[in-house]
Amino acid sequence: LLDLRVRPDAAGRVMHATITAVADQLASAADLAGGKVAQLPVVVVRNWAHEAGDGGAAELVMDRAMDLFP
């Protein structure tokens, strides 16, 4: 997860709720690169600076109080 809260957006406004699931975005990009009908078994992602998280999949479960779409 990439926590962007308290950082400014492109217009300079402070973000309050943006936490990005980077692995999901990389998987989506790989799906687009590999294509559904091309049947490419592997897509290689290069030059991604990986940062280890604090926990496992439990990190992906958002606290209900922070959820904008309960």
PDB file of N, CA and C in Angstrom:
ATOM      1  N   LEU A   1       0.835  -1.178   0.000  1.00  0.00           N
ATOM      2  CA  LEU A   1       0.000   0.000   0.000  1.00  0.00           C
ATOM      3  C   LEU A   1       0.881   1.243   0.000  1.00  0.00           C
ATOM      4  N   LEU A   2       0.473   2.213  -0.773  1.00  0.00           N
ATOM      5  CA  LEU A   2       1.178   3.487  -0.838  1.00  0.00           C
ATOM      6  C   LEU A   2       0.259   4.541  -0.235  1.00  0.00           C
ATOM      7  N   ASP A   3       0.594   5.006   0.951  1.00  0.00           N
ATOM      8  CA  ASP A   3      -0.243   5.960   1.682  1.00  0.00           C
ATOM      9  C   ASP A   3       0.119   7.367   1.245  1.00  0.00           C
ATOM     10  N   LEU A   4      -0.801   8.019   0.549  1.00  0.00           N
ATOM     11  CA  LEU A   4      -0.568   9.370   0.044  1.00  0.00           C
ATOM     12  C   LEU A   4      -1.287  10.439   0.854  1.00  0.00           C
ATOM     13  N   ARG A   5      -1.897  10.032   1.966  1.00  0.00           N
ATOM     14  CA  ARG A   5      -2.576  11.020   2.803  1.00  0.00           C
ATOM     15  C   ARG A   5      -1.571  12.043   3.318  1.00  0.00           C
ATOM     16  N   VAL A   6      -2.013  13.257   3.448  1.00  0.00           N
ATOM     17  CA  VAL A   6      -1.256  14.404   3.947  1.00  0.00           C
ATOM     18  C   VAL A   6      -0.259  14.937   2.910  1.00  0.00           C
ATOM     19  N   ARG A   7      -0.211  14.320   1.739  1.00  0.00           N
ATOM     20  CA  ARG A   7       0.648  14.835   0.663  1.00  0.00           C
ATOM     21  C   ARG A   7      -0.208  15.686  -0.269  1.00  0.00           C
ATOM     22  N   PRO A   8       0.402  16.653  -0.939  1.00  0.00           N
ATOM     23  CA  PRO A   8      -0.373  17.476  -1.877  1.00  0.00           C
ATOM     24  C   PRO A   8      -0.616  16.741  -3.196  1.00  0.00           C
ATOM     25  N   ASP A   9      -1.781  17.000  -3.803  1.00  0.00           N
ATOM     26  CA  ASP A   9      -2.052  16.446  -5.129  1.00  0.00           C
ATOM     27  C   ASP A   9      -1.434  17.366  -6.177  1.00  0.00           C
ATOM     28  N   ALA A  10      -1.717  17.126  -7.444  1.00  0.00           N
ATOM     29  CA  ALA A  10      -1.121  17.914  -8.532  1.00  0.00           C
ATOM     30  C   ALA A  10      -1.514  19.386  -8.463  1.00  0.00           C
ATOM     31  N   ALA A  11      -2.669  19.682  -7.850  1.00  0.00           N
ATOM     32  CA  ALA A  11      -3.127  21.068  -7.738  1.00  0.00           C
ATOM     33  C   ALA A  11      -2.700  21.703  -6.415  1.00  0.00           C
ATOM     34  N   GLY A  12      -1.958  20.952  -5.582  1.00  0.00           N
ATOM     35  CA  GLY A  12      -1.477  21.501  -4.325  1.00  0.00           C
ATOM     36  C   GLY A  12      -2.399  21.291  -3.130  1.00  0.00           C
ATOM     37  N   ARG A  13      -3.554  20.625  -3.351  1.00  0.00           N
ATOM     38  CA  ARG A  13      -4.487  20.364  -2.246  1.00  0.00           C
ATOM     39  C   ARG A  13      -4.018  19.141  -1.467  1.00  0.00           C
ATOM     40  N   VAL A  14      -4.164  19.184  -0.156  1.00  0.00           N
ATOM     41  CA  VAL A  14      -3.751  18.060   0.677  1.00  0.00           C
ATOM     42  C   VAL A  14      -4.748  16.918   0.539  1.00  0.00           C
ATOM     43  N   MET A  15      -4.228  15.710   0.290  1.00  0.00           N
ATOM     44  CA  MET A  15      -5.096  14.532   0.166  1.00  0.00           C
ATOM     45  C   MET A  15      -5.394  13.980   1.555  1.00  0.00           C
ATOM     46  N   HIS A  16      -6.634  13.549   1.755  1.00  0.00           N
ATOM     47  CA  HIS A  16      -7.059  13.046   3.059  1.00  0.00           C
ATOM     48  C   HIS A  16      -7.393  11.568   3.060  1.00  0.00           C
ATOM     49  N   ALA A  17      -7.616  10.975   1.898  1.00  0.00           N
ATOM     50  CA  ALA A  17      -8.100   9.594   1.878  1.00  0.00           C
ATOM     51  C   ALA A  17      -7.399   8.693   0.866  1.00  0.00           C
ATOM     52  N   THR A  18      -6.346   9.151   0.216  1.00  0.00           N
ATOM     53  CA  THR A  18      -5.753   8.374  -0.866  1.00  0.00           C
ATOM     54  C   THR A  18      -4.716   7.377  -0.363  1.00  0.00           C
ATOM     55  N   ILE A  19      -5.075   6.102  -0.459  1.00  0.00           N
ATOM     56  CA  ILE A  19      -4.152   5.005  -0.179  1.00  0.00           C
ATOM     57  C   ILE A  19      -4.242   4.080  -1.388  1.00  0.00           C
ATOM     58  N   THR A  20      -3.145   3.914  -2.101  1.00  0.00           N
ATOM     59  CA  THR A  20      -3.141   3.162  -3.346  1.00  0.00           C
ATOM     60  C   THR A  20      -2.650   1.729  -3.129  1.00  0.00           C
ATOM     61  N   ALA A  21      -3.381   0.769  -3.664  1.00  0.00           N
ATOM     62  CA  ALA A  21      -2.955  -0.632  -3.642  1.00  0.00           C
ATOM     63  C   ALA A  21      -2.089  -0.855  -4.884  1.00  0.00           C
ATOM     64  N   VAL A  22      -0.792  -0.656  -4.729  1.00  0.00           N
ATOM     65  CA  VAL A  22       0.150  -0.681  -5.846  1.00  0.00           C
ATOM     66  C   VAL A  22       0.163  -2.040  -6.542  1.00  0.00           C
ATOM     67  N   ALA A  23       0.112  -3.129  -5.784  1.00  0.00           N
ATOM     68  CA  ALA A  23       0.133  -4.462  -6.393  1.00  0.00           C
ATOM     69  C   ALA A  23      -1.057  -4.645  -7.330  1.00  0.00           C
ATOM     70  N   ASP A  24      -2.216  -4.112  -6.956  1.00  0.00           N
ATOM     71  CA  ASP A  24      -3.389  -4.190  -7.826  1.00  0.00           C
ATOM     72  C   ASP A  24      -3.163  -3.414  -9.117  1.00  0.00           C
ATOM     73  N   GLN A  25      -2.546  -2.245  -9.017  1.00  0.00           N
ATOM     74  CA  GLN A  25      -2.286  -1.447 -10.214  1.00  0.00           C
ATOM     75  C   GLN A  25      -1.269  -2.128 -11.127  1.00  0.00           C
ATOM     76  N   LEU A  26      -0.229  -2.719 -10.538  1.00  0.00           N
ATOM     77  CA  LEU A  26       0.760  -3.439 -11.352  1.00  0.00           C
ATOM     78  C   LEU A  26       0.133  -4.653 -12.032  1.00  0.00           C
ATOM     79  N   ALA A  27      -0.742  -5.365 -11.305  1.00  0.00           N
ATOM     80  CA  ALA A  27      -1.422  -6.520 -11.900  1.00  0.00           C
ATOM     81  C   ALA A  27      -2.334  -6.088 -13.045  1.00  0.00           C
ATOM     82  N   SER A  28      -3.003  -4.955 -12.890  1.00  0.00           N
ATOM     83  CA  SER A  28      -3.863  -4.445 -13.963  1.00  0.00           C
ATOM     84  C   SER A  28      -3.050  -4.065 -15.191  1.00  0.00           C
ATOM     85  N   ALA A  29      -1.915  -3.398 -14.962  1.00  0.00           N
ATOM     86  CA  ALA A  29      -1.045  -3.024 -16.077  1.00  0.00           C
ATOM     87  C   ALA A  29      -0.489  -4.262 -16.776  1.00  0.00           C
ATOM     88  N   ALA A  30      -0.138  -5.276 -15.997  1.00  0.00           N
ATOM     89  CA  ALA A  30       0.370  -6.520 -16.586  1.00  0.00           C
ATOM     90  C   ALA A  30      -0.708  -7.196 -17.421  1.00  0.00           C
ATOM     91  N   ASP A  31      -1.946  -7.144 -16.960  1.00  0.00           N
ATOM     92  CA  ASP A  31      -3.051  -7.726 -17.720  1.00  0.00           C
ATOM     93  C   ASP A  31      -3.226  -7.007 -19.053  1.00  0.00           C
ATOM     94  N   LEU A  32      -3.097  -5.685 -19.044  1.00  0.00           N
ATOM     95  CA  LEU A  32      -3.198  -4.924 -20.288  1.00  0.00           C
ATOM     96  C   LEU A  32      -2.026  -5.234 -21.213  1.00  0.00           C
ATOM     97  N   ALA A  33      -0.825  -5.336 -20.656  1.00  0.00           N
ATOM     98  CA  ALA A  33       0.369  -5.605 -21.464  1.00  0.00           C
ATOM     99  C   ALA A  33       0.345  -7.016 -22.048  1.00  0.00           C
ATOM    100  N   GLY A  34      -0.139  -7.975 -21.260  1.00  0.00           N
ATOM    101  CA  GLY A  34      -0.168  -9.363 -21.722  1.00  0.00           C
ATOM    102  C   GLY A  34      -1.325  -9.659 -22.639  1.00  0.00           C
ATOM    103  N   GLY A  35      -2.389  -8.944 -22.452  1.00  0.00           N
ATOM    104  CA  GLY A  35      -3.568  -9.146 -23.285  1.00  0.00           C
ATOM    105  C   GLY A  35      -4.322 -10.413 -22.931  1.00  0.00           C
ATOM    106  N   LYS A  36      -5.607 -10.406 -23.187  1.00  0.00           N
ATOM    107  CA  LYS A  36      -6.440 -11.573 -22.898  1.00  0.00           C
ATOM    108  C   LYS A  36      -6.305 -12.653 -23.959  1.00  0.00           C
ATOM    109  N   VAL A  37      -6.213 -12.244 -25.201  1.00  0.00           N
ATOM    110  CA  VAL A  37      -6.200 -13.235 -26.278  1.00  0.00           C
ATOM    111  C   VAL A  37      -4.790 -13.593 -26.759  1.00  0.00           C
ATOM    112  N   ALA A  38      -3.772 -12.815 -26.360  1.00  0.00           N
ATOM    113  CA  ALA A  38      -2.397 -13.100 -26.783  1.00  0.00           C
ATOM    114  C   ALA A  38      -1.827 -14.307 -26.059  1.00  0.00           C
ATOM    115  N   GLN A  39      -2.417 -14.667 -24.944  1.00  0.00           N
ATOM    116  CA  GLN A  39      -2.016 -15.822 -24.135  1.00  0.00           C
ATOM    117  C   GLN A  39      -0.551 -15.770 -23.720  1.00  0.00           C
ATOM    118  N   LEU A  40      -0.072 -14.586 -23.342  1.00  0.00           N
ATOM    119  CA  LEU A  40       1.277 -14.458 -22.809  1.00  0.00           C
ATOM    120  C   LEU A  40       1.247 -14.907 -21.354  1.00  0.00           C
ATOM    121  N   PRO A  41       2.050 -15.904 -20.978  1.00  0.00           N
ATOM    122  CA  PRO A  41       1.980 -16.434 -19.615  1.00  0.00           C
ATOM    123  C   PRO A  41       2.647 -15.554 -18.568  1.00  0.00           C
ATOM    124  N   VAL A  42       3.537 -14.637 -18.997  1.00  0.00           N
ATOM    125  CA  VAL A  42       4.290 -13.830 -18.037  1.00  0.00           C
ATOM    126  C   VAL A  42       4.447 -12.409 -18.569  1.00  0.00           C
ATOM    127  N   VAL A  43       4.303 -11.446 -17.693  1.00  0.00           N
ATOM    128  CA  VAL A  43       4.626 -10.059 -18.003  1.00  0.00           C
ATOM    129  C   VAL A  43       5.646  -9.622 -16.962  1.00  0.00           C
ATOM    130  N   VAL A  44       6.778  -9.095 -17.410  1.00  0.00           N
ATOM    131  CA  VAL A  44       7.850  -8.692 -16.502  1.00  0.00           C
ATOM    132  C   VAL A  44       7.734  -7.200 -16.205  1.00  0.00           C
ATOM    133  N   VAL A  45       7.697  -6.865 -14.923  1.00  0.00           N
ATOM    134  CA  VAL A  45       7.685  -5.466 -14.485  1.00  0.00           C
ATOM    135  C   VAL A  45       9.104  -5.144 -14.022  1.00  0.00           C
ATOM    136  N   ARG A  46       9.719  -4.164 -14.645  1.00  0.00           N
ATOM    137  CA  ARG A  46      11.104  -3.811 -14.306  1.00  0.00           C
ATOM    138  C   ARG A  46      11.162  -2.434 -13.644  1.00  0.00           C
ATOM    139  N   ASN A  47      12.203  -2.264 -12.855  1.00  0.00           N
ATOM    140  CA  ASN A  47      12.525  -0.966 -12.250  1.00  0.00           C
ATOM    141  C   ASN A  47      11.468  -0.450 -11.295  1.00  0.00           C
ATOM    142  N   TRP A  48      10.736  -1.330 -10.648  1.00  0.00           N
ATOM    143  CA  TRP A  48       9.798  -0.902  -9.621  1.00  0.00           C
ATOM    144  C   TRP A  48      10.514  -0.960  -8.287  1.00  0.00           C
ATOM    145  N   ALA A  49      10.570   0.148  -7.576  1.00  0.00           N
ATOM    146  CA  ALA A  49      11.239   0.205  -6.270  1.00  0.00           C
ATOM    147  C   ALA A  49      10.282  -0.341  -5.211  1.00  0.00           C
ATOM    148  N   HIS A  50      10.483  -1.588  -4.846  1.00  0.00           N
ATOM    149  CA  HIS A  50       9.608  -2.260  -3.884  1.00  0.00           C
ATOM    150  C   HIS A  50       9.962  -1.842  -2.458  1.00  0.00           C
ATOM    151  N   GLU A  51       8.933  -1.540  -1.678  1.00  0.00           N
ATOM    152  CA  GLU A  51       9.127  -1.262  -0.259  1.00  0.00           C
ATOM    153  C   GLU A  51       8.300  -2.269   0.520  1.00  0.00           C
ATOM    154  N   ALA A  52       8.936  -2.961   1.442  1.00  0.00           N
ATOM    155  CA  ALA A  52       8.217  -3.955   2.246  1.00  0.00           C
ATOM    156  C   ALA A  52       7.212  -3.262   3.160  1.00  0.00           C
ATOM    157  N   GLY A  53       6.037  -3.869   3.285  1.00  0.00           N
ATOM    158  CA  GLY A  53       5.011  -3.331   4.163  1.00  0.00           C
ATOM    159  C   GLY A  53       5.166  -3.844   5.581  1.00  0.00           C
ATOM    160  N   ASP A  54       4.293  -3.381   6.468  1.00  0.00           N
ATOM    161  CA  ASP A  54       4.351  -3.781   7.871  1.00  0.00           C
ATOM    162  C   ASP A  54       3.697  -5.133   8.112  1.00  0.00           C
ATOM    163  N   GLY A  55       2.734  -5.495   7.279  1.00  0.00           N
ATOM    164  CA  GLY A  55       1.999  -6.729   7.517  1.00  0.00           C
ATOM    165  C   GLY A  55       1.683  -7.433   6.222  1.00  0.00           C
ATOM    166  N   GLY A  56       0.735  -8.337   6.274  1.00  0.00           N
ATOM    167  CA  GLY A  56       0.340  -9.100   5.100  1.00  0.00           C
ATOM    168  C   GLY A  56      -0.917  -8.534   4.479  1.00  0.00           C
ATOM    169  N   ALA A  57      -1.768  -9.436   4.011  1.00  0.00           N
ATOM    170  CA  ALA A  57      -2.992  -9.039   3.331  1.00  0.00           C
ATOM    171  C   ALA A  57      -3.944  -8.278   4.240  1.00  0.00           C
ATOM    172  N   ALA A  58      -3.781  -8.415   5.548  1.00  0.00           N
ATOM    173  CA  ALA A  58      -4.645  -7.696   6.487  1.00  0.00           C
ATOM    174  C   ALA A  58      -4.528  -6.184   6.319  1.00  0.00           C
ATOM    175  N   GLU A  59      -3.408  -5.729   5.770  1.00  0.00           N
ATOM    176  CA  GLU A  59      -3.227  -4.293   5.519  1.00  0.00           C
ATOM    177  C   GLU A  59      -4.247  -3.765   4.515  1.00  0.00           C
ATOM    178  N   LEU A  60      -4.739  -4.650   3.654  1.00  0.00           N
ATOM    179  CA  LEU A  60      -5.658  -4.220   2.597  1.00  0.00           C
ATOM    180  C   LEU A  60      -7.078  -3.979   3.083  1.00  0.00           C
ATOM    181  N   VAL A  61      -7.392  -4.431   4.296  1.00  0.00           N
ATOM    182  CA  VAL A  61      -8.736  -4.252   4.842  1.00  0.00           C
ATOM    183  C   VAL A  61      -8.808  -2.872   5.487  1.00  0.00           C
ATOM    184  N   MET A  62      -9.638  -1.999   4.909  1.00  0.00           N
ATOM    185  CA  MET A  62      -9.751  -0.640   5.402  1.00  0.00           C
ATOM    186  C   MET A  62     -10.629  -0.573   6.646  1.00  0.00           C
ATOM    187  N   ASP A  63     -10.211   0.242   7.590  1.00  0.00           N
ATOM    188  CA  ASP A  63     -11.015   0.490   8.779  1.00  0.00           C
ATOM    189  C   ASP A  63     -12.352   1.086   8.338  1.00  0.00           C
ATOM    190  N   ARG A  64     -13.437   0.551   8.858  1.00  0.00           N
ATOM    191  CA  ARG A  64     -14.781   0.977   8.444  1.00  0.00           C
ATOM    192  C   ARG A  64     -14.996   2.484   8.621  1.00  0.00           C
ATOM    193  N   ALA A  65     -14.385   3.072   9.627  1.00  0.00           N
ATOM    194  CA  ALA A  65     -14.542   4.516   9.872  1.00  0.00           C
ATOM    195  C   ALA A  65     -13.892   5.333   8.760  1.00  0.00           C
ATOM    196  N   MET A  66     -12.895   4.789   8.063  1.00  0.00           N
ATOM    197  CA  MET A  66     -12.203   5.495   6.984  1.00  0.00           C
ATOM    198  C   MET A  66     -12.812   5.221   5.612  1.00  0.00           C
ATOM    199  N   ASP A  67     -13.679   4.228   5.505  1.00  0.00           N
ATOM    200  CA  ASP A  67     -14.251   3.823   4.222  1.00  0.00           C
ATOM    201  C   ASP A  67     -15.245   4.870   3.719  1.00  0.00           C
ATOM    202  N   LEU A  68     -14.994   5.403   2.535  1.00  0.00           N
ATOM    203  CA  LEU A  68     -15.894   6.401   1.955  1.00  0.00           C
ATOM    204  C   LEU A  68     -17.118   5.758   1.330  1.00  0.00           C
ATOM    205  N   PHE A  69     -17.068   4.442   1.069  1.00  0.00           N
ATOM    206  CA  PHE A  69     -18.180   3.724   0.434  1.00  0.00           C
ATOM    207  C   PHE A  69     -18.543   2.498   1.255  1.00  0.00           C
ATOM    208  N   PRO A  70     -19.131   2.692   2.446  1.00  0.00           N
ATOM    209  CA  PRO A  70     -19.429   1.524   3.315  1.00  0.00           C
ATOM    210  C   PRO A  70     -20.488   0.600   2.756  1.00  0.00           C
TER     211      PRO A  70
END
